[in-house]
N, C-alpha and C. Protein backbone atom coordinates (compact mmCIF):
# COMPACT_ATOMS: atom_id res chain seq x y z
N MET A 1 0.81 -1.18 0.00
CA MET A 1 0.00 0.00 0.00
C MET A 1 0.86 1.25 0.00
N LYS A 2 2.16 1.09 0.18
CA LYS A 2 3.03 2.26 0.12
C LYS A 2 3.03 2.86 -1.28
N LYS A 3 2.92 2.00 -2.30
CA LYS A 3 2.91 2.49 -3.68
C LYS A 3 1.61 3.20 -4.03
N ASP A 4 0.53 2.81 -3.40
CA ASP A 4 -0.77 3.41 -3.71
C ASP A 4 -1.64 3.36 -2.45
N PRO A 5 -1.48 4.35 -1.56
CA PRO A 5 -2.21 4.34 -0.29
C PRO A 5 -3.73 4.26 -0.44
N SER A 6 -4.27 4.78 -1.53
CA SER A 6 -5.72 4.73 -1.71
C SER A 6 -6.23 3.31 -1.90
N PHE A 7 -5.32 2.38 -2.16
CA PHE A 7 -5.72 0.98 -2.30
C PHE A 7 -6.36 0.45 -1.01
N ALA A 8 -6.05 1.06 0.10
CA ALA A 8 -6.64 0.64 1.37
C ALA A 8 -8.16 0.69 1.34
N LEU A 9 -8.72 1.50 0.45
CA LEU A 9 -10.17 1.57 0.32
C LEU A 9 -10.77 0.27 -0.21
N GLN A 10 -9.95 -0.57 -0.83
CA GLN A 10 -10.41 -1.85 -1.37
C GLN A 10 -10.47 -2.94 -0.29
N LEU A 11 -9.93 -2.64 0.88
CA LEU A 11 -9.84 -3.65 1.93
C LEU A 11 -10.86 -3.36 3.02
N PRO A 12 -11.31 -4.31 3.78
CA PRO A 12 -10.97 -5.73 3.68
C PRO A 12 -11.62 -6.37 2.45
N LEU A 13 -11.10 -7.53 2.11
CA LEU A 13 -11.67 -8.27 1.00
C LEU A 13 -13.11 -8.62 1.31
N LYS A 14 -13.92 -8.59 0.30
CA LYS A 14 -15.34 -8.90 0.48
C LYS A 14 -15.72 -10.10 -0.37
N VAL A 15 -16.54 -10.96 0.19
CA VAL A 15 -17.02 -12.15 -0.51
C VAL A 15 -18.53 -12.19 -0.37
N LEU A 16 -19.21 -12.36 -1.48
CA LEU A 16 -20.67 -12.45 -1.48
C LEU A 16 -21.06 -13.90 -1.75
N VAL A 17 -21.80 -14.48 -0.83
CA VAL A 17 -22.28 -15.85 -0.99
C VAL A 17 -23.80 -15.80 -1.02
N THR A 18 -24.37 -16.29 -2.12
CA THR A 18 -25.82 -16.29 -2.26
C THR A 18 -26.28 -17.64 -2.80
N GLU A 19 -27.57 -17.87 -2.70
CA GLU A 19 -28.16 -19.08 -3.28
C GLU A 19 -29.21 -18.64 -4.30
N VAL A 20 -29.07 -19.15 -5.50
CA VAL A 20 -30.01 -18.84 -6.58
C VAL A 20 -30.45 -20.15 -7.21
N ASP A 21 -31.74 -20.39 -7.22
CA ASP A 21 -32.29 -21.62 -7.80
C ASP A 21 -31.63 -22.88 -7.23
N GLY A 22 -31.38 -22.87 -5.93
CA GLY A 22 -30.80 -24.03 -5.27
C GLY A 22 -29.30 -24.20 -5.46
N LYS A 23 -28.66 -23.25 -6.12
CA LYS A 23 -27.21 -23.33 -6.34
C LYS A 23 -26.53 -22.19 -5.60
N VAL A 24 -25.43 -22.52 -4.95
CA VAL A 24 -24.67 -21.51 -4.21
C VAL A 24 -23.74 -20.79 -5.18
N GLN A 25 -23.76 -19.47 -5.09
CA GLN A 25 -22.87 -18.65 -5.90
C GLN A 25 -21.94 -17.87 -4.98
N VAL A 26 -20.67 -17.84 -5.34
CA VAL A 26 -19.67 -17.10 -4.58
C VAL A 26 -19.05 -16.08 -5.52
N VAL A 27 -19.08 -14.83 -5.12
CA VAL A 27 -18.56 -13.76 -5.96
C VAL A 27 -17.58 -12.92 -5.16
N PHE A 28 -16.43 -12.65 -5.77
CA PHE A 28 -15.47 -11.73 -5.17
C PHE A 28 -14.59 -11.17 -6.27
N ASN A 29 -13.99 -10.03 -6.01
CA ASN A 29 -13.08 -9.43 -6.97
C ASN A 29 -11.73 -10.13 -6.88
N THR A 30 -11.18 -10.48 -8.03
CA THR A 30 -9.88 -11.14 -8.06
C THR A 30 -8.77 -10.16 -7.70
N THR A 31 -7.65 -10.71 -7.31
CA THR A 31 -6.49 -9.89 -7.01
C THR A 31 -6.14 -9.01 -8.20
N GLU A 32 -6.16 -9.60 -9.38
CA GLU A 32 -5.81 -8.85 -10.59
C GLU A 32 -6.74 -7.66 -10.80
N SER A 33 -8.03 -7.87 -10.59
CA SER A 33 -8.97 -6.76 -10.79
C SER A 33 -8.82 -5.69 -9.71
N LEU A 34 -8.46 -6.10 -8.51
CA LEU A 34 -8.29 -5.13 -7.43
C LEU A 34 -7.09 -4.22 -7.65
N ILE A 35 -6.00 -4.77 -8.21
CA ILE A 35 -4.80 -3.95 -8.38
C ILE A 35 -4.73 -3.28 -9.75
N GLU A 36 -5.69 -3.58 -10.61
CA GLU A 36 -5.72 -2.95 -11.92
C GLU A 36 -5.82 -1.43 -11.75
N ASN A 37 -5.08 -0.72 -12.54
CA ASN A 37 -5.05 0.76 -12.52
C ASN A 37 -4.51 1.34 -11.22
N THR A 38 -3.68 0.59 -10.54
CA THR A 38 -2.98 1.10 -9.36
C THR A 38 -1.48 1.04 -9.64
N GLY A 39 -0.69 1.50 -8.74
CA GLY A 39 0.75 1.41 -8.88
C GLY A 39 1.30 0.12 -8.29
N ILE A 40 0.42 -0.82 -8.02
CA ILE A 40 0.80 -2.06 -7.33
C ILE A 40 1.04 -3.16 -8.35
N ASP A 41 2.17 -3.84 -8.21
CA ASP A 41 2.48 -5.00 -9.05
C ASP A 41 1.98 -6.26 -8.36
N TYR A 42 1.62 -7.26 -9.17
CA TYR A 42 1.14 -8.53 -8.61
C TYR A 42 2.16 -9.10 -7.64
N SER A 43 3.43 -8.99 -7.96
CA SER A 43 4.47 -9.54 -7.09
C SER A 43 4.47 -8.89 -5.71
N ASP A 44 3.95 -7.65 -5.63
CA ASP A 44 3.89 -6.96 -4.34
C ASP A 44 2.84 -7.56 -3.41
N VAL A 45 1.84 -8.21 -3.98
CA VAL A 45 0.73 -8.73 -3.17
C VAL A 45 0.60 -10.25 -3.28
N GLU A 46 1.56 -10.87 -3.93
CA GLU A 46 1.49 -12.30 -4.18
C GLU A 46 1.36 -13.12 -2.90
N ASN A 47 2.04 -12.72 -1.86
CA ASN A 47 2.03 -13.49 -0.62
C ASN A 47 0.95 -13.05 0.36
N THR A 48 0.24 -11.98 0.05
CA THR A 48 -0.79 -11.50 0.97
C THR A 48 -2.16 -11.56 0.31
N LEU A 49 -2.44 -10.61 -0.54
CA LEU A 49 -3.75 -10.52 -1.18
C LEU A 49 -4.03 -11.74 -2.06
N ALA A 50 -3.05 -12.13 -2.86
CA ALA A 50 -3.24 -13.30 -3.72
C ALA A 50 -3.36 -14.56 -2.87
N GLY A 51 -2.64 -14.60 -1.76
CA GLY A 51 -2.76 -15.74 -0.85
C GLY A 51 -4.16 -15.84 -0.26
N ALA A 52 -4.74 -14.70 0.06
CA ALA A 52 -6.11 -14.69 0.58
C ALA A 52 -7.08 -15.17 -0.49
N GLN A 53 -6.86 -14.75 -1.74
CA GLN A 53 -7.72 -15.21 -2.83
C GLN A 53 -7.64 -16.73 -2.98
N LYS A 54 -6.45 -17.28 -2.88
CA LYS A 54 -6.29 -18.74 -2.98
C LYS A 54 -7.03 -19.44 -1.85
N LEU A 55 -6.95 -18.88 -0.65
CA LEU A 55 -7.64 -19.47 0.50
C LEU A 55 -9.15 -19.42 0.32
N ILE A 56 -9.66 -18.30 -0.16
CA ILE A 56 -11.10 -18.18 -0.41
C ILE A 56 -11.54 -19.21 -1.44
N THR A 57 -10.81 -19.29 -2.53
CA THR A 57 -11.15 -20.25 -3.60
C THR A 57 -11.13 -21.67 -3.08
N LYS A 58 -10.11 -22.02 -2.32
CA LYS A 58 -10.00 -23.37 -1.78
C LYS A 58 -11.16 -23.67 -0.82
N THR A 59 -11.48 -22.72 0.04
CA THR A 59 -12.52 -22.92 1.03
C THR A 59 -13.89 -23.12 0.40
N VAL A 60 -14.22 -22.33 -0.61
CA VAL A 60 -15.56 -22.43 -1.18
C VAL A 60 -15.71 -23.57 -2.17
N THR A 61 -14.62 -24.19 -2.57
CA THR A 61 -14.73 -25.32 -3.49
C THR A 61 -14.68 -26.66 -2.78
N GLU A 62 -14.49 -26.65 -1.48
CA GLU A 62 -14.46 -27.91 -0.72
C GLU A 62 -15.85 -28.37 -0.36
């Protein structure tokens, strides 16, 4: 966030879980979409934000 302090407005990560027609839907913004148009490189968030995305994906697919 040192490269783009306004990025803090994107946090905390948000996940929407809903049920439509008996099917569960999980929606969240990907790491790539969150850092798009910022001064942040993927490598800067690979171990934090991207790690959280991997955990969310793993959790909801189990």
